[in-house]
Amino acid sequence: MRLIPAIDIIEGKCVRLSKGDYGTKKVYNENPVEVAKQFEAHGIQHLHLVDLDGAKSKHIVNHKVLESIASQTSLKIDFGGGLKSDEDLKIAFESGASQITGGSIAVKEKETFLGWLETYGHDKIILGADANNEKVAVSGWQEESKQDLVPFIQSYQKEGIQYVICTDISKDGMLQGPSFDLYRKILAQTATGLKLVASGGISTYDEIPKLAEIGCEGTIIGKAIYENRISLKQLEQYILGHG
């Protein structure tokens, strides 16, 4: 299972929110590149980079941060947050993203999202299926759609989606553990071959092997790293043990 630390960006700084609420912002580091280099030094190969300014303004904003991290590390970066147009995607990939995540756009503008899938291929486009009470949430989680999570994922699997990042918003940034049952349910009810990335609530090291056991392909770890609940040394040892 891939371990994917998260860096969330507001005004070029590395921050974390709780449940997606901008009012809970906490700045952890003024320099995201420094943070990314620390991850890389501990054997981590992947990074989940979220442009929170972009999510709010509905177009790419912090692509310079993406460019800096991509040019100064060899991390494979999946980038998301407010990507709404073909131009946004072009900028993201030109700035060094290995993959992009589309969330709200996949709900609200399916044709655009399917166009990206066709243009860039299913290994480059990740479906961001963020959920509250098993309903898909959109617009930086400020609103809930009427779509049920599992059928939403199933419908995109039929279109060729392989990678899905699923965040349970009620868990995000709360350090109370991830939604094991939700991930079990998704994997039981979707077609085989889904690369499900768990996100939200990871708070202790022991949860990592448990997510791997369920069948998650990756897990995104955010606040637990910044609050020193899980050390980079532990992540390094996990990677070495499961290389």
Protein backbone atom coordinates (compact mmCIF):
# COMPACT_ATOMS: atom_id res chain seq x y z
CA MET A 1 0.00 0.00 0.00
CA ARG A 2 1.31 3.41 -0.96
CA LEU A 3 1.81 5.93 1.83
CA ILE A 4 0.92 9.40 0.62
CA PRO A 5 1.53 12.34 2.95
CA ALA A 6 -0.59 15.41 2.32
CA ILE A 7 0.43 19.03 1.99
CA ASP A 8 -2.46 21.51 1.92
CA ILE A 9 -1.62 24.99 0.68
CA ILE A 10 -3.12 28.34 1.60
CA GLU A 11 -1.21 31.47 0.52
CA GLY A 12 1.83 29.35 -0.25
CA LYS A 13 2.01 27.92 3.28
CA CYS A 14 1.53 24.39 4.54
CA VAL A 15 -1.68 24.25 6.59
CA ARG A 16 -4.30 21.80 7.90
CA LEU A 17 -8.04 22.25 8.35
CA SER A 18 -10.58 20.25 10.33
CA LYS A 19 -13.50 18.85 8.29
CA GLY A 20 -12.61 21.23 5.46
CA ASP A 21 -13.51 24.30 7.51
CA TYR A 22 -11.28 27.25 6.55
CA GLY A 23 -11.97 28.80 9.96
CA THR A 24 -9.95 25.99 11.60
CA LYS A 25 -6.79 26.74 9.61
CA LYS A 26 -3.50 25.98 11.35
CA VAL A 27 -0.19 26.86 9.67
CA TYR A 28 2.45 24.14 10.15
CA ASN A 29 5.20 25.41 7.92
CA GLU A 30 5.84 28.52 5.84
CA ASN A 31 7.80 26.44 3.35
CA PRO A 32 6.07 23.46 1.70
CA VAL A 33 9.21 22.55 -0.28
CA GLU A 34 11.05 21.98 2.99
CA VAL A 35 8.24 19.67 4.17
CA ALA A 36 8.28 17.74 0.88
CA LYS A 37 12.05 17.28 1.12
CA GLN A 38 11.67 15.84 4.63
CA PHE A 39 9.16 13.32 3.30
CA GLU A 40 11.51 12.35 0.49
CA ALA A 41 14.43 11.95 2.90
CA HIS A 42 12.42 9.27 4.71
CA GLY A 43 11.89 7.15 1.60
CA ILE A 44 8.45 8.49 0.75
CA GLN A 45 7.77 8.58 -2.98
CA HIS A 46 4.29 10.06 -3.23
CA LEU A 47 2.66 13.33 -2.25
CA HIS A 48 -0.94 14.53 -2.16
CA LEU A 49 -0.84 18.29 -2.76
CA VAL A 50 -4.03 20.28 -2.30
CA ASP A 51 -4.48 23.85 -3.46
CA LEU A 52 -7.01 25.11 -0.90
CA ASP A 53 -6.96 28.62 -2.38
CA GLY A 54 -7.77 26.97 -5.70
CA ALA A 55 -10.64 25.00 -4.18
CA LYS A 56 -12.12 28.23 -2.90
CA SER A 57 -11.62 30.30 -6.04
CA LYS A 58 -12.47 27.42 -8.44
CA HIS A 59 -9.31 27.64 -10.53
CA ILE A 60 -5.67 26.72 -10.01
CA VAL A 61 -3.82 29.17 -7.73
CA ASN A 62 -0.76 27.61 -6.10
CA HIS A 63 0.85 26.05 -9.17
CA LYS A 64 4.18 27.73 -8.31
CA VAL A 65 4.33 25.63 -5.12
CA LEU A 66 3.65 22.53 -7.20
CA GLU A 67 6.40 23.53 -9.61
CA SER A 68 8.89 24.13 -6.77
CA ILE A 69 8.21 20.77 -5.13
CA ALA A 70 8.24 18.91 -8.46
CA SER A 71 11.52 20.48 -9.54
CA GLN A 72 13.28 20.10 -6.18
CA THR A 73 12.20 16.55 -5.28
CA SER A 74 11.46 13.36 -7.20
CA LEU A 75 8.11 12.85 -5.44
CA LYS A 76 5.21 11.69 -7.60
CA ILE A 77 2.63 14.38 -6.90
CA ASP A 78 -1.10 14.09 -7.21
CA PHE A 79 -2.52 17.59 -7.30
CA GLY A 80 -6.04 18.80 -6.64
CA GLY A 81 -8.11 21.72 -5.47
CA GLY A 82 -10.30 23.79 -7.75
CA LEU A 83 -9.27 22.24 -11.06
CA LYS A 84 -12.18 23.18 -13.30
CA SER A 85 -10.93 23.79 -16.83
CA ASP A 86 -8.73 22.21 -19.48
CA GLU A 87 -6.37 25.13 -18.94
CA ASP A 88 -6.11 24.35 -15.20
CA LEU A 89 -5.13 20.79 -16.06
CA LYS A 90 -2.57 21.90 -18.61
CA ILE A 91 -0.98 24.18 -15.99
CA ALA A 92 -1.01 21.42 -13.35
CA PHE A 93 0.69 18.85 -15.58
CA GLU A 94 3.16 21.42 -16.97
CA SER A 95 4.01 22.41 -13.39
CA GLY A 96 4.99 18.81 -12.63
CA ALA A 97 1.92 16.94 -11.37
CA SER A 98 2.03 13.18 -12.00
CA GLN A 99 -1.72 12.88 -11.46
CA ILE A 100 -4.59 15.24 -10.80
CA THR A 101 -7.65 14.76 -8.62
CA GLY A 102 -11.06 15.97 -9.76
CA GLY A 103 -13.84 16.12 -7.19
CA SER A 104 -16.63 18.65 -7.63
CA ILE A 105 -16.09 18.73 -11.38
CA ALA A 106 -16.83 15.00 -11.62
CA VAL A 107 -20.22 15.66 -10.02
CA LYS A 108 -21.15 18.93 -11.67
CA GLU A 109 -19.52 18.74 -15.10
CA LYS A 110 -19.24 15.09 -15.97
CA GLU A 111 -18.50 15.70 -19.65
CA THR A 112 -15.46 17.86 -18.86
CA PHE A 113 -14.14 15.27 -16.41
CA LEU A 114 -14.66 12.42 -18.90
CA GLY A 115 -12.84 14.53 -21.50
CA TRP A 116 -9.83 14.69 -19.18
CA LEU A 117 -9.96 10.95 -18.71
CA GLU A 118 -9.90 10.51 -22.47
CA THR A 119 -7.14 13.06 -23.06
CA TYR A 120 -4.75 12.09 -20.27
CA GLY A 121 -5.62 8.44 -19.53
CA HIS A 122 -6.90 6.67 -16.44
CA ASP A 123 -3.48 6.49 -14.78
CA LYS A 124 -3.32 10.30 -14.66
CA ILE A 125 -6.82 11.20 -13.49
CA ILE A 126 -8.05 10.42 -9.97
CA LEU A 127 -11.69 10.59 -8.96
CA GLY A 128 -12.02 12.54 -5.71
CA ALA A 129 -15.05 10.97 -4.06
CA ASP A 130 -15.46 12.92 -0.84
CA ALA A 131 -18.39 11.90 1.29
CA ASN A 132 -20.54 12.99 4.19
CA ASN A 133 -23.04 10.36 5.38
CA GLU A 134 -22.23 8.41 2.20
CA LYS A 135 -23.40 11.30 0.02
CA VAL A 136 -20.87 12.90 -2.32
CA ALA A 137 -19.78 16.35 -1.14
CA VAL A 138 -18.68 19.14 -3.48
CA SER A 139 -17.35 22.72 -3.59
CA GLY A 140 -14.58 22.36 -1.05
CA TRP A 141 -17.05 20.29 0.99
CA GLN A 142 -19.27 23.31 1.51
CA GLU A 143 -22.25 21.47 0.01
CA GLU A 144 -23.64 17.94 -0.18
CA SER A 145 -24.86 16.58 -3.49
CA LYS A 146 -27.78 14.19 -3.87
CA GLN A 147 -25.48 11.47 -5.17
CA ASP A 148 -24.85 8.30 -3.19
CA LEU A 149 -21.16 7.52 -2.87
CA VAL A 150 -20.98 3.89 -4.03
CA PRO A 151 -23.15 4.24 -7.18
CA PHE A 152 -21.16 7.40 -8.00
CA ILE A 153 -17.89 5.43 -7.91
CA GLN A 154 -19.47 2.53 -9.83
CA SER A 155 -20.64 4.85 -12.60
CA TYR A 156 -17.12 6.22 -13.06
CA GLN A 157 -15.58 2.75 -12.98
CA LYS A 158 -17.68 1.99 -16.05
CA GLU A 159 -16.03 5.02 -17.70
CA GLY A 160 -12.56 3.66 -16.97
CA ILE A 161 -11.65 5.33 -13.67
CA GLN A 162 -9.14 3.28 -11.67
CA TYR A 163 -7.90 5.61 -8.96
CA VAL A 164 -10.34 6.89 -6.36
CA ILE A 165 -9.47 8.98 -3.32
CA CYS A 166 -12.26 8.71 -0.80
CA THR A 167 -12.31 11.12 2.12
CA ASP A 168 -14.87 10.77 4.86
CA ILE A 169 -15.34 14.43 5.73
CA SER A 170 -16.69 13.71 9.20
CA LYS A 171 -13.29 12.15 10.00
CA ASP A 172 -11.01 14.60 8.23
CA GLY A 173 -8.48 16.34 10.49
CA MET A 174 -10.18 14.94 13.58
CA LEU A 175 -7.48 12.33 14.42
CA GLN A 176 -10.16 9.84 15.44
CA GLY A 177 -9.37 7.05 13.00
CA PRO A 178 -10.45 6.42 9.40
CA SER A 179 -13.74 4.98 8.10
CA PHE A 180 -12.76 1.32 7.86
CA ASP A 181 -16.36 0.18 7.34
CA LEU A 182 -16.93 2.66 4.52
CA TYR A 183 -13.80 1.45 2.68
CA ARG A 184 -14.78 -2.19 3.17
CA LYS A 185 -18.20 -1.40 1.74
CA ILE A 186 -16.79 0.42 -1.30
CA LEU A 187 -14.36 -2.39 -2.09
CA ALA A 188 -17.08 -5.03 -1.65
CA GLN A 189 -19.55 -3.24 -3.93
CA THR A 190 -17.33 -2.02 -6.75
CA ALA A 191 -15.69 -3.85 -9.62
CA THR A 192 -12.32 -5.47 -8.99
CA GLY A 193 -9.24 -3.47 -9.86
CA LEU A 194 -10.32 -0.30 -8.06
CA LYS A 195 -7.30 1.51 -6.63
CA LEU A 196 -8.92 2.96 -3.53
CA VAL A 197 -6.96 5.55 -1.58
CA ALA A 198 -8.20 6.10 1.97
CA SER A 199 -8.12 9.63 3.32
CA GLY A 200 -9.32 11.35 6.48
CA GLY A 201 -8.91 10.58 10.14
CA ILE A 202 -5.69 8.52 10.06
CA SER A 203 -4.33 9.06 13.56
CA THR A 204 -2.09 6.16 14.62
CA TYR A 205 0.46 3.95 12.92
CA ASP A 206 -1.59 0.78 13.64
CA GLU A 207 -4.35 1.97 11.30
CA ILE A 208 -1.99 1.79 8.31
CA PRO A 209 -1.60 -2.03 8.12
CA LYS A 210 -5.32 -2.31 8.83
CA LEU A 211 -6.16 -0.22 5.75
CA ALA A 212 -3.77 -2.35 3.70
CA GLU A 213 -5.50 -5.49 4.96
CA ILE A 214 -8.92 -4.18 3.86
CA GLY A 215 -7.48 -3.73 0.38
CA CYS A 216 -6.83 0.00 0.10
CA GLU A 217 -4.22 0.75 -2.57
CA GLY A 218 -2.96 3.83 -0.77
CA THR A 219 -3.60 6.04 2.21
CA ILE A 220 -3.26 9.78 2.60
CA ILE A 221 -1.85 10.91 5.93
CA GLY A 222 -2.09 14.55 6.95
CA LYS A 223 -2.55 15.96 10.40
CA ALA A 224 -1.21 12.82 12.14
CA ILE A 225 2.23 13.61 10.70
CA TYR A 226 2.10 17.31 11.56
CA GLU A 227 0.88 16.64 15.11
CA ASN A 228 3.59 13.97 15.57
CA ARG A 229 1.10 11.14 16.09
CA ILE A 230 2.85 9.18 13.36
CA SER A 231 6.56 9.74 12.79
CA LEU A 232 8.28 9.86 9.41
CA LYS A 233 10.62 7.20 10.80
CA GLN A 234 7.62 4.84 11.24
CA LEU A 235 6.51 5.53 7.68
CA GLU A 236 10.04 4.87 6.46
CA GLN A 237 10.12 1.52 8.26
CA TYR A 238 6.73 0.56 6.82
CA ILE A 239 7.96 1.35 3.29
CA LEU A 240 11.19 -0.62 3.84
CA GLY A 241 9.23 -3.58 5.22
CA HIS A 242 6.74 -3.60 2.35
CA GLY A 243 9.05 -2.39 -0.42
